[in-house]
């Protein structure tokens, strides 16, 4: 199952409030592409689609489609904010390799 750290949940809430998206949650998806074969997608979502799993982290809804679920088991989403790097960090124990930028992976 996918998990999110407290800083990641807080950042998503902050961004939703900034964009005035009441009732929305986060969609986490895996799509073909990127330099390693698969890439992650994070988008806003306000309704469950057929075959979605809906996870909840401190009231934040996270939507995952059935195909993406196959690649996201054990994934941890964190948010880092530092001098060198800021943004969402996705740790995927299923990935056998990643690209240099860390935005795509292979299994």
C-alpha atoms as a PDB file:
ATOM      1  CA  UNK A   1       0.000   0.000   0.000  1.00  0.00           C
ATOM      2  CA  UNK A   2       1.128   3.555  -0.732  1.00  0.00           C
ATOM      3  CA  UNK A   3       1.940   5.783   2.255  1.00  0.00           C
ATOM      4  CA  UNK A   4       2.480   9.516   2.686  1.00  0.00           C
ATOM      5  CA  UNK A   5       4.531  11.295   5.321  1.00  0.00           C
ATOM      6  CA  UNK A   6       3.070  14.099   7.435  1.00  0.00           C
ATOM      7  CA  UNK A   7       5.124  16.757   5.555  1.00  0.00           C
ATOM      8  CA  UNK A   8       3.771  15.459   2.211  1.00  0.00           C
ATOM      9  CA  UNK A   9       0.171  15.549   3.439  1.00  0.00           C
ATOM     10  CA  UNK A  10       0.678  19.062   4.823  1.00  0.00           C
ATOM     11  CA  UNK A  11       2.153  20.308   1.525  1.00  0.00           C
ATOM     12  CA  UNK A  12      -0.700  18.824  -0.524  1.00  0.00           C
ATOM     13  CA  UNK A  13      -3.214  20.517   1.806  1.00  0.00           C
ATOM     14  CA  UNK A  14      -1.338  23.812   1.462  1.00  0.00           C
ATOM     15  CA  UNK A  15      -1.353  23.590  -2.340  1.00  0.00           C
ATOM     16  CA  UNK A  16      -5.043  22.649  -2.460  1.00  0.00           C
ATOM     17  CA  UNK A  17      -5.911  25.652  -0.273  1.00  0.00           C
ATOM     18  CA  UNK A  18      -3.729  27.956  -2.383  1.00  0.00           C
ATOM     19  CA  UNK A  19      -5.524  26.787  -5.554  1.00  0.00           C
ATOM     20  CA  UNK A  20      -8.939  27.074  -3.807  1.00  0.00           C
ATOM     21  CA  UNK A  21      -9.774  23.416  -4.486  1.00  0.00           C
ATOM     22  CA  UNK A  22     -12.223  22.517  -1.746  1.00  0.00           C
ATOM     23  CA  UNK A  23     -13.339  18.886  -1.967  1.00  0.00           C
ATOM     24  CA  UNK A  24     -10.312  17.817  -4.003  1.00  0.00           C
ATOM     25  CA  UNK A  25      -7.691  15.224  -3.230  1.00  0.00           C
ATOM     26  CA  UNK A  26      -4.541  13.948  -4.879  1.00  0.00           C
ATOM     27  CA  UNK A  27      -4.372  11.445  -7.732  1.00  0.00           C
ATOM     28  CA  UNK A  28      -1.173   9.393  -7.817  1.00  0.00           C
ATOM     29  CA  UNK A  29      -0.574   7.530 -11.067  1.00  0.00           C
ATOM     30  CA  UNK A  30       2.088   5.633 -12.955  1.00  0.00           C
ATOM     31  CA  UNK A  31       2.271   6.210 -16.694  1.00  0.00           C
ATOM     32  CA  UNK A  32       4.480   4.904 -19.455  1.00  0.00           C
ATOM     33  CA  UNK A  33       7.234   7.315 -20.442  1.00  0.00           C
ATOM     34  CA  UNK A  34      10.258   9.059 -19.085  1.00  0.00           C
ATOM     35  CA  UNK A  35      13.799   7.962 -19.746  1.00  0.00           C
ATOM     36  CA  UNK A  36      13.466   4.800 -17.619  1.00  0.00           C
ATOM     37  CA  UNK A  37      10.116   3.481 -18.885  1.00  0.00           C
ATOM     38  CA  UNK A  38       7.602   4.691 -16.273  1.00  0.00           C
ATOM     39  CA  UNK A  39       6.927   8.030 -14.682  1.00  0.00           C
ATOM     40  CA  UNK A  40       4.870   9.252 -11.750  1.00  0.00           C
ATOM     41  CA  UNK A  41       1.942  11.599 -12.105  1.00  0.00           C
ATOM     42  CA  UNK A  42       0.503  13.779  -9.323  1.00  0.00           C
ATOM     43  CA  UNK A  43      -2.681  15.686 -10.165  1.00  0.00           C
ATOM     44  CA  UNK A  44      -5.747  17.083  -8.407  1.00  0.00           C
ATOM     45  CA  UNK A  45      -8.871  14.930  -8.344  1.00  0.00           C
ATOM     46  CA  UNK A  46     -12.351  15.497  -6.955  1.00  0.00           C
ATOM     47  CA  UNK A  47     -14.153  12.257  -7.727  1.00  0.00           C
ATOM     48  CA  UNK A  48     -13.504   8.552  -7.566  1.00  0.00           C
ATOM     49  CA  UNK A  49     -13.372   6.785 -10.920  1.00  0.00           C
ATOM     50  CA  UNK A  50     -14.304   3.176 -11.589  1.00  0.00           C
ATOM     51  CA  UNK A  51     -11.623   0.782 -10.258  1.00  0.00           C
ATOM     52  CA  UNK A  52      -9.945   3.490  -8.150  1.00  0.00           C
ATOM     53  CA  UNK A  53      -8.653   2.785  -4.694  1.00  0.00           C
ATOM     54  CA  UNK A  54      -9.155   5.702  -2.342  1.00  0.00           C
ATOM     55  CA  UNK A  55      -6.721   6.072   0.536  1.00  0.00           C
ATOM     56  CA  UNK A  56      -7.055   8.611   3.298  1.00  0.00           C
ATOM     57  CA  UNK A  57      -4.253  10.326   5.180  1.00  0.00           C
ATOM     58  CA  UNK A  58      -5.455  12.608   7.964  1.00  0.00           C
ATOM     59  CA  UNK A  59      -8.566  13.480   5.941  1.00  0.00           C
ATOM     60  CA  UNK A  60      -6.719  13.905   2.620  1.00  0.00           C
ATOM     61  CA  UNK A  61      -8.115  11.612  -0.071  1.00  0.00           C
ATOM     62  CA  UNK A  62      -5.593   9.972  -2.401  1.00  0.00           C
ATOM     63  CA  UNK A  63      -6.904   8.292  -5.563  1.00  0.00           C
ATOM     64  CA  UNK A  64      -5.007   5.459  -7.282  1.00  0.00           C
ATOM     65  CA  UNK A  65      -6.206   3.635 -10.396  1.00  0.00           C
ATOM     66  CA  UNK A  66      -5.997  -0.169 -10.579  1.00  0.00           C
ATOM     67  CA  UNK A  67      -3.059  -0.284 -13.024  1.00  0.00           C
ATOM     68  CA  UNK A  68      -0.994   2.179 -10.996  1.00  0.00           C
ATOM     69  CA  UNK A  69      -1.708   0.185  -7.836  1.00  0.00           C
ATOM     70  CA  UNK A  70       0.432  -2.625  -9.292  1.00  0.00           C
ATOM     71  CA  UNK A  71       3.507  -0.348  -9.282  1.00  0.00           C
ATOM     72  CA  UNK A  72       2.825   1.653  -6.112  1.00  0.00           C
ATOM     73  CA  UNK A  73       2.736  -1.105  -3.491  1.00  0.00           C
ATOM     74  CA  UNK A  74       5.116  -0.073  -0.710  1.00  0.00           C
ATOM     75  CA  UNK A  75       5.724   3.392  -2.173  1.00  0.00           C
ATOM     76  CA  UNK A  76       6.362   6.229   0.271  1.00  0.00           C
ATOM     77  CA  UNK A  77       5.686   9.842  -0.748  1.00  0.00           C
ATOM     78  CA  UNK A  78       7.546  12.500   1.222  1.00  0.00           C
ATOM     79  CA  UNK A  79       7.993  16.242   0.864  1.00  0.00           C
ATOM     80  CA  UNK A  80      11.448  17.730   1.330  1.00  0.00           C
ATOM     81  CA  UNK A  81      12.245  21.418   1.621  1.00  0.00           C
ATOM     82  CA  UNK A  82      15.930  22.180   1.736  1.00  0.00           C
ATOM     83  CA  UNK A  83      18.618  24.406   0.297  1.00  0.00           C
ATOM     84  CA  UNK A  84      19.579  21.960  -2.441  1.00  0.00           C
ATOM     85  CA  UNK A  85      16.291  20.237  -3.144  1.00  0.00           C
ATOM     86  CA  UNK A  86      12.600  20.961  -2.580  1.00  0.00           C
ATOM     87  CA  UNK A  87       9.635  18.931  -3.744  1.00  0.00           C
ATOM     88  CA  UNK A  88       7.859  15.639  -3.478  1.00  0.00           C
ATOM     89  CA  UNK A  89      10.141  12.631  -3.166  1.00  0.00           C
ATOM     90  CA  UNK A  90       8.807   9.221  -4.150  1.00  0.00           C
ATOM     91  CA  UNK A  91      10.584   6.171  -2.750  1.00  0.00           C
ATOM     92  CA  UNK A  92       9.611   3.028  -4.628  1.00  0.00           C
ATOM     93  CA  UNK A  93      10.994  -0.301  -3.364  1.00  0.00           C
ATOM     94  CA  UNK A  94       9.751  -1.993  -6.560  1.00  0.00           C
ATOM     95  CA  UNK A  95      11.937   0.105  -8.872  1.00  0.00           C
ATOM     96  CA  UNK A  96      14.977  -1.719 -10.225  1.00  0.00           C
ATOM     97  CA  UNK A  97      16.417   1.502 -11.632  1.00  0.00           C
ATOM     98  CA  UNK A  98      15.735   5.208 -11.949  1.00  0.00           C
ATOM     99  CA  UNK A  99      16.851   7.979 -14.236  1.00  0.00           C
ATOM    100  CA  UNK A 100      19.284  10.672 -13.159  1.00  0.00           C
ATOM    101  CA  UNK A 101      16.521  13.190 -12.435  1.00  0.00           C
ATOM    102  CA  UNK A 102      14.555  10.712 -10.293  1.00  0.00           C
ATOM    103  CA  UNK A 103      11.262  11.333 -12.100  1.00  0.00           C
ATOM    104  CA  UNK A 104      11.084   8.033 -13.937  1.00  0.00           C
ATOM    105  CA  UNK A 105      11.815   4.428 -13.056  1.00  0.00           C
ATOM    106  CA  UNK A 106      11.801   0.858 -14.331  1.00  0.00           C
ATOM    107  CA  UNK A 107      10.740  -2.403 -12.733  1.00  0.00           C
END
